[in-house]
C-alpha cells in the first residue's frame, strides 16, 4: 500500500508567496546618474589702436631727435580656457617712409618699445619686455596661467629722427601679433 502525504494547500501557498515576493538579496540603497557640463573652447584675440598718434611737427635740428609715440591701449583676451593658457605678443615695426635720402634707423640704440601692464586677470601673470632694437620682430609681452584671461597695456615706441632731417612726413606702422 502506498502512503500518500498530503501537504496542506495553505503551506504550499505560503511558500510560493514568499518566494514570489521576496526582496532581492543585495538591493542598492543609493544610485548615481552621471551628468556632464562642457566648457567650449574660445579664441585668442588681440585688439590694437586703430589710429596712431599724430605729433606736433619737430623743429629742424642739426642733432638727432628722440621722438616718443604713445600708441594707446593694446589688449589680449584669451578665451581658450586652457589649463596652460600661455601666450606671447610680438611687435614688428615697418621701415619708415621718409622724404629725401636720410633713413630712420630702427636698430639699437635708435629705437625702443616700452610698456607697463595696466590691467590683467587676477591669478594670471603678464611680463613685459622692453625692447631697444625694433629692426626685427620681437616678443614684448608674455602671459602665463590658466583659464580665461585678459591683459592690456599702453606701449610707447621711441625712434630717433636723424640729424639734418629733411622736412616732410616720416611714417611707419606697428604690428602686434599674439600666439
Protein backbone atom coordinates (compact mmCIF):
# COMPACT_ATOMS: atom_id res chain seq x y z
CA UNK A 1 0.00 0.00 0.00
CA UNK A 2 1.18 3.33 -0.81
CA UNK A 3 1.44 6.10 1.63
CA UNK A 4 0.40 9.44 0.47
CA UNK A 5 1.49 12.56 2.09
CA UNK A 6 -0.91 15.37 1.77
CA UNK A 7 0.64 18.75 2.05
CA UNK A 8 -1.86 21.25 3.14
CA UNK A 9 -2.70 23.84 0.47
CA UNK A 10 -2.15 26.69 2.91
CA UNK A 11 1.51 25.63 3.40
CA UNK A 12 2.18 25.46 -0.35
CA UNK A 13 0.60 28.88 -0.86
CA UNK A 14 2.74 30.39 1.89
CA UNK A 15 6.00 29.03 0.45
CA UNK A 16 5.21 30.07 -3.13
CA UNK A 17 4.06 33.53 -1.99
CA UNK A 18 7.25 34.11 0.00
CA UNK A 19 9.43 33.18 -2.97
CA UNK A 20 7.47 35.33 -5.38
CA UNK A 21 7.52 38.49 -3.24
CA UNK A 22 10.89 38.25 -1.52
CA UNK A 23 13.23 41.32 -1.81
CA UNK A 24 16.46 40.94 -3.77
CA UNK A 25 19.37 39.73 -1.71
CA UNK A 26 21.57 42.82 -2.42
CA UNK A 27 19.40 45.87 -3.12
CA UNK A 28 21.22 49.24 -3.55
CA UNK A 29 20.18 51.99 -1.21
CA UNK A 30 21.63 54.78 -3.49
CA UNK A 31 22.01 55.31 -7.22
CA UNK A 32 24.15 57.69 -9.27
CA UNK A 33 23.18 59.38 -12.51
CA UNK A 34 26.17 60.80 -14.44
CA UNK A 35 25.94 64.38 -15.74
CA UNK A 36 28.45 66.32 -17.84
CA UNK A 37 28.96 70.05 -18.39
CA UNK A 38 31.27 71.09 -21.21
CA UNK A 39 33.21 74.37 -21.41
CA UNK A 40 33.59 75.42 -25.02
CA UNK A 41 37.00 76.43 -26.33
CA UNK A 42 37.14 80.12 -27.27
CA UNK A 43 39.66 82.17 -29.21
CA UNK A 44 42.86 84.09 -28.53
CA UNK A 45 42.44 87.68 -29.74
CA UNK A 46 44.37 90.94 -29.76
CA UNK A 47 42.97 94.46 -30.13
CA UNK A 48 45.23 97.37 -31.11
CA UNK A 49 44.61 101.08 -31.51
CA UNK A 50 43.01 101.87 -34.86
CA UNK A 51 44.92 105.11 -35.35
CA UNK A 52 48.37 106.09 -34.23
CA UNK A 53 49.34 109.32 -32.57
CA UNK A 54 49.93 112.48 -34.54
CA UNK A 55 52.74 114.58 -33.14
CA UNK A 56 53.32 118.26 -33.49
CA UNK A 57 55.93 118.92 -36.16
CA UNK A 58 59.53 118.71 -34.98
CA UNK A 59 61.74 121.72 -35.28
CA UNK A 60 64.57 121.14 -37.74
CA UNK A 61 67.76 120.45 -35.77
CA UNK A 62 71.39 119.76 -36.53
CA UNK A 63 71.30 116.90 -34.00
CA UNK A 64 69.28 113.72 -33.92
CA UNK A 65 65.91 113.90 -32.14
CA UNK A 66 64.34 111.18 -29.99
CA UNK A 67 60.59 111.03 -30.61
CA UNK A 68 58.21 109.06 -28.36
CA UNK A 69 54.93 107.76 -29.78
CA UNK A 70 52.34 106.68 -27.17
CA UNK A 71 50.20 104.22 -29.09
CA UNK A 72 47.11 103.67 -26.95
CA UNK A 73 45.83 100.50 -25.30
CA UNK A 74 46.70 97.06 -26.64
CA UNK A 75 44.55 94.24 -25.23
CA UNK A 76 44.76 90.45 -25.32
CA UNK A 77 41.67 88.38 -24.49
CA UNK A 78 42.31 84.66 -24.14
CA UNK A 79 39.04 82.74 -24.22
CA UNK A 80 40.63 79.34 -24.88
CA UNK A 81 40.01 78.25 -21.25
CA UNK A 82 43.16 76.14 -21.40
CA UNK A 83 44.96 74.52 -18.49
CA UNK A 84 48.16 76.08 -19.91
CA UNK A 85 46.87 79.40 -21.24
CA UNK A 86 50.27 80.87 -22.11
CA UNK A 87 50.63 83.38 -24.92
CA UNK A 88 53.21 85.79 -26.34
CA UNK A 89 52.76 89.12 -28.09
CA UNK A 90 55.30 90.18 -30.68
CA UNK A 91 55.75 93.52 -32.35
CA UNK A 92 57.11 94.43 -35.77
CA UNK A 93 57.80 98.00 -36.88
CA UNK A 94 57.86 98.70 -40.60
CA UNK A 95 60.65 100.74 -42.12
CA UNK A 96 59.82 104.43 -42.11
CA UNK A 97 58.86 106.10 -45.34
CA UNK A 98 60.68 109.38 -45.38
CA UNK A 99 61.23 112.39 -47.57
CA UNK A 100 64.70 112.78 -49.00
CA UNK A 101 67.52 110.28 -48.63
CA UNK A 102 68.02 110.01 -44.85
CA UNK A 103 66.97 106.79 -43.15
CA UNK A 104 65.39 106.27 -39.74
CA UNK A 105 67.48 103.51 -38.17
CA UNK A 106 65.37 101.11 -36.09
CA UNK A 107 68.39 99.21 -34.75
CA UNK A 108 69.71 99.73 -31.21
CA UNK A 109 70.11 102.29 -29.72
CA UNK A 110 67.94 104.29 -32.10
CA UNK A 111 64.57 102.80 -31.16
CA UNK A 112 62.69 101.37 -28.20
CA UNK A 113 59.40 99.74 -27.17
CA UNK A 114 58.37 100.09 -23.55
CA UNK A 115 55.14 99.29 -21.74
CA UNK A 116 53.67 98.57 -18.37
CA UNK A 117 50.79 96.17 -17.86
CA UNK A 118 47.85 98.32 -16.78
CA UNK A 119 45.27 95.58 -16.27
CA UNK A 120 45.25 91.80 -16.07
CA UNK A 121 43.06 88.99 -14.82
CA UNK A 122 43.76 88.02 -11.19
CA UNK A 123 45.97 84.92 -10.81
CA UNK A 124 47.41 85.45 -14.29
CA UNK A 125 50.97 86.70 -14.79
CA UNK A 126 51.93 89.04 -17.62
CA UNK A 127 55.56 90.05 -18.08
CA UNK A 128 56.51 92.98 -20.30
CA UNK A 129 59.80 93.06 -22.19
CA UNK A 130 61.42 96.38 -23.05
CA UNK A 131 63.00 96.39 -26.49
CA UNK A 132 65.87 98.58 -27.55
CA UNK A 133 66.00 97.35 -31.13
CA UNK A 134 62.97 97.46 -33.40
CA UNK A 135 64.73 96.34 -36.56
CA UNK A 136 63.29 92.79 -36.23
CA UNK A 137 60.11 91.23 -34.86
CA UNK A 138 60.44 90.56 -31.14
CA UNK A 139 58.37 89.49 -28.11
CA UNK A 140 57.07 92.38 -25.98
CA UNK A 141 54.67 90.60 -23.57
CA UNK A 142 54.30 87.05 -22.25
CA UNK A 143 51.33 85.69 -20.34
CA UNK A 144 51.25 82.63 -18.10
CA UNK A 145 48.41 81.00 -16.19
CA UNK A 146 45.27 79.01 -16.87
CA UNK A 147 41.68 79.55 -17.85
CA UNK A 148 40.17 82.61 -19.47
CA UNK A 149 42.29 85.74 -19.07
CA UNK A 150 42.66 89.34 -20.22
CA UNK A 151 45.52 91.81 -20.19
CA UNK A 152 46.06 95.33 -21.51
CA UNK A 153 48.92 97.82 -21.68
CA UNK A 154 49.83 101.13 -23.28
CA UNK A 155 53.09 100.95 -25.25
CA UNK A 156 55.41 103.78 -26.13
CA UNK A 157 57.59 103.50 -29.22
CA UNK A 158 60.58 105.80 -29.36
CA UNK A 159 62.54 106.41 -32.54
CA UNK A 160 65.44 108.70 -33.34
CA UNK A 161 64.95 111.05 -36.25
CA UNK A 162 68.41 111.58 -37.75
CA UNK A 163 70.34 114.84 -37.63
CA UNK A 164 69.75 117.19 -40.53
CA UNK A 165 66.42 115.50 -41.31
CA UNK A 166 64.62 116.99 -44.26
CA UNK A 167 61.15 118.48 -43.89
CA UNK A 168 58.19 116.17 -44.52
CA UNK A 169 56.20 113.33 -43.01
CA UNK A 170 58.04 110.33 -41.55
CA UNK A 171 55.62 107.42 -41.25
CA UNK A 172 55.63 103.76 -40.30
CA UNK A 173 53.28 101.13 -38.89
CA UNK A 174 53.46 98.95 -35.79
CA UNK A 175 52.05 95.42 -35.98
CA UNK A 176 51.22 93.48 -32.78
CA UNK A 177 50.51 89.75 -33.05
CA UNK A 178 49.57 87.17 -30.42
CA UNK A 179 50.34 83.45 -30.40
